[in-house]
Protein backbone atom coordinates (compact mmCIF):
# COMPACT_ATOMS: atom_id res chain seq x y z
CA MET A 1 0.01 0.01 0.00
CA SER A 2 1.34 3.39 -0.91
CA PHE A 3 1.42 6.40 1.40
CA ASP A 4 1.69 9.19 -1.13
CA ALA A 5 1.11 12.92 -0.99
CA HIS A 6 -0.08 14.30 -4.33
CA VAL A 7 1.33 17.41 -5.93
CA CYS A 8 0.02 19.67 -8.69
CA PRO A 9 2.27 21.57 -11.18
CA ASN A 10 2.05 24.65 -8.96
CA GLY A 11 3.63 22.75 -6.03
CA HIS A 12 0.57 22.40 -3.82
CA ALA A 13 0.84 19.12 -1.91
CA THR A 14 -2.09 17.32 -0.28
CA TYR A 15 -2.81 14.08 1.49
CA PRO A 16 -4.92 12.34 0.53
CA GLY A 17 -4.63 13.15 -3.15
CA HIS A 18 -7.35 14.66 -5.31
CA ALA A 19 -7.97 14.51 -9.04
CA LEU A 20 -7.75 18.30 -9.07
CA CYS A 21 -5.77 20.45 -6.63
CA PRO A 22 -8.07 22.01 -4.00
CA GLU A 23 -6.05 25.27 -4.15
CA CYS A 24 -5.66 25.95 -7.88
CA GLY A 25 -7.71 23.32 -9.74
CA GLU A 26 -4.75 21.85 -11.65
CA PRO A 27 -4.39 18.05 -11.89
CA GLN A 28 -2.36 16.47 -9.09
CA ASP A 29 -0.24 14.24 -11.28
CA GLU A 30 2.97 13.83 -9.22
CA THR A 31 3.40 12.01 -5.92
CA VAL A 32 5.77 12.13 -2.98
CA ASP A 33 6.23 8.92 -0.98
CA LEU A 34 5.71 9.65 2.74
CA SER A 35 6.28 6.10 3.99
CA ASP A 36 10.02 6.52 4.52
CA ARG A 37 9.95 9.97 6.13
CA GLU A 38 9.68 11.33 9.64
CA ALA A 39 6.94 13.75 10.64
CA GLU A 40 6.17 16.02 13.58
CA VAL A 41 3.03 15.64 15.67
CA VAL A 42 0.95 18.82 15.37
CA THR A 43 -1.85 17.65 17.68
CA TRP A 44 -3.30 14.41 18.96
CA THR A 45 -6.31 12.95 20.80
CA HIS A 46 -7.49 9.76 22.46
CA SER A 47 -10.79 8.41 21.16
CA THR A 48 -12.58 6.34 23.79
CA LYS A 49 -15.74 5.59 21.80
CA THR A 50 -14.46 3.93 18.66
CA PRO A 51 -16.28 2.29 15.75
CA PRO A 52 -16.71 -1.49 15.81
CA GLY A 53 -13.40 -3.28 15.41
CA VAL A 54 -11.19 -0.30 16.23
CA ARG A 55 -9.03 -0.56 19.36
CA GLU A 56 -10.15 1.37 22.36
CA PRO A 57 -8.79 3.80 23.33
CA ASN A 58 -7.51 4.80 19.94
CA THR A 59 -4.85 7.50 19.81
CA LEU A 60 -4.94 9.63 16.68
CA ALA A 61 -2.54 12.33 15.58
CA ILE A 62 -2.30 14.99 12.92
CA VAL A 63 1.30 14.99 11.72
CA GLU A 64 3.25 17.25 9.40
CA PHE A 65 5.75 15.98 6.80
CA ASP A 66 8.36 18.29 5.28
CA VAL A 67 8.17 17.84 1.49
CA SER A 68 9.96 21.06 0.48
CA ASP A 69 12.81 19.21 -1.27
CA ASP A 70 10.46 17.35 -3.62
CA VAL A 71 9.05 18.46 -6.95
CA ASP A 72 8.91 22.12 -5.89
CA ALA A 73 6.18 21.22 -3.43
CA ASP A 74 4.82 23.33 -0.57
CA ASP A 75 6.92 23.11 2.57
CA VAL A 76 4.66 20.70 4.46
CA VAL A 77 1.76 18.28 4.04
CA ARG A 78 -0.40 17.02 6.89
CA ALA A 79 -1.92 13.60 7.49
CA ILE A 80 -4.10 12.12 10.21
CA GLY A 81 -3.80 8.60 11.48
CA GLN A 82 -3.60 6.17 14.35
CA VAL A 83 -0.56 6.22 16.64
CA THR A 84 1.07 2.90 17.73
CA THR A 85 1.10 3.98 21.39
CA ASP A 86 -0.95 6.10 23.77
CA GLU A 87 2.28 7.89 24.78
CA VAL A 88 2.56 10.76 22.31
CA GLU A 89 2.93 14.51 22.68
CA THR A 90 2.72 17.55 20.41
CA GLY A 91 6.17 18.09 18.86
CA ASP A 92 7.15 14.41 18.94
CA THR A 93 8.83 12.95 15.87
CA VAL A 94 7.05 9.95 14.35
CA GLU A 95 7.47 7.68 11.36
CA PRO A 96 4.83 5.79 9.40
CA VAL A 97 4.74 2.00 9.98
CA TYR A 98 2.72 -0.30 7.76
CA VAL A 99 0.08 -2.53 9.41
CA GLU A 100 -2.04 -5.20 7.72
CA GLU A 101 -5.17 -4.46 9.76
CA LEU A 102 -6.04 -1.03 11.11
CA ARG A 103 -9.27 -2.54 12.47
CA ASP A 104 -10.86 -5.97 12.79
CA PRO A 105 -12.53 -6.77 9.44
CA GLU A 106 -15.04 -9.14 11.11
CA ALA A 107 -16.45 -6.41 13.42
CA GLY A 108 -17.84 -4.09 10.78
CA ILE A 109 -21.17 -4.14 9.03
CA LYS A 110 -19.69 -4.45 5.54
CA GLU A 111 -18.33 -7.62 3.95
CA PRO A 112 -14.62 -7.86 4.82
CA GLU A 113 -13.72 -8.47 1.16
CA SER A 114 -15.34 -5.18 0.12
CA GLN A 115 -12.72 -2.97 1.83
CA GLU A 116 -9.03 -2.54 2.32
CA TRP A 117 -7.98 -2.97 5.97
CA ASP A 118 -4.27 -2.16 5.76
CA GLY A 119 -2.60 1.22 6.14
CA TYR A 120 -0.12 3.18 8.20
CA ARG A 121 0.09 4.11 11.86
CA PHE A 122 2.53 6.63 13.27
CA GLU A 123 5.23 5.41 15.65
CA PRO A 124 7.26 7.77 17.84
CA THR A 125 10.98 7.65 17.04
CA GLN A 126 12.18 8.80 20.44
């Protein structure tokens, strides 16, 4: 599974990607791989009432990746996701780690085969 920010010709980077850039309307036809980068935690929260199949409590963070060295992109792009631990603070450095199941496929109301269950969580590097 890829973890890509998408970039338009004007250098606007977004995650997740869009067919057309939300800022200027140009196609977002380039990507920047975020899976091998570190990011900084901007903010975080603990969710104690989670959907079926999602661990409880579930720590979520908004993180900021520096993409300024790539394809003339904006300086940063933000992403939200689960954190591997409940011990996280604003300003912490994290890295994406791939997991096969972000939630239990058997606990939802949809057929497990109808969705993708894998993705990335953020793990503190300190």
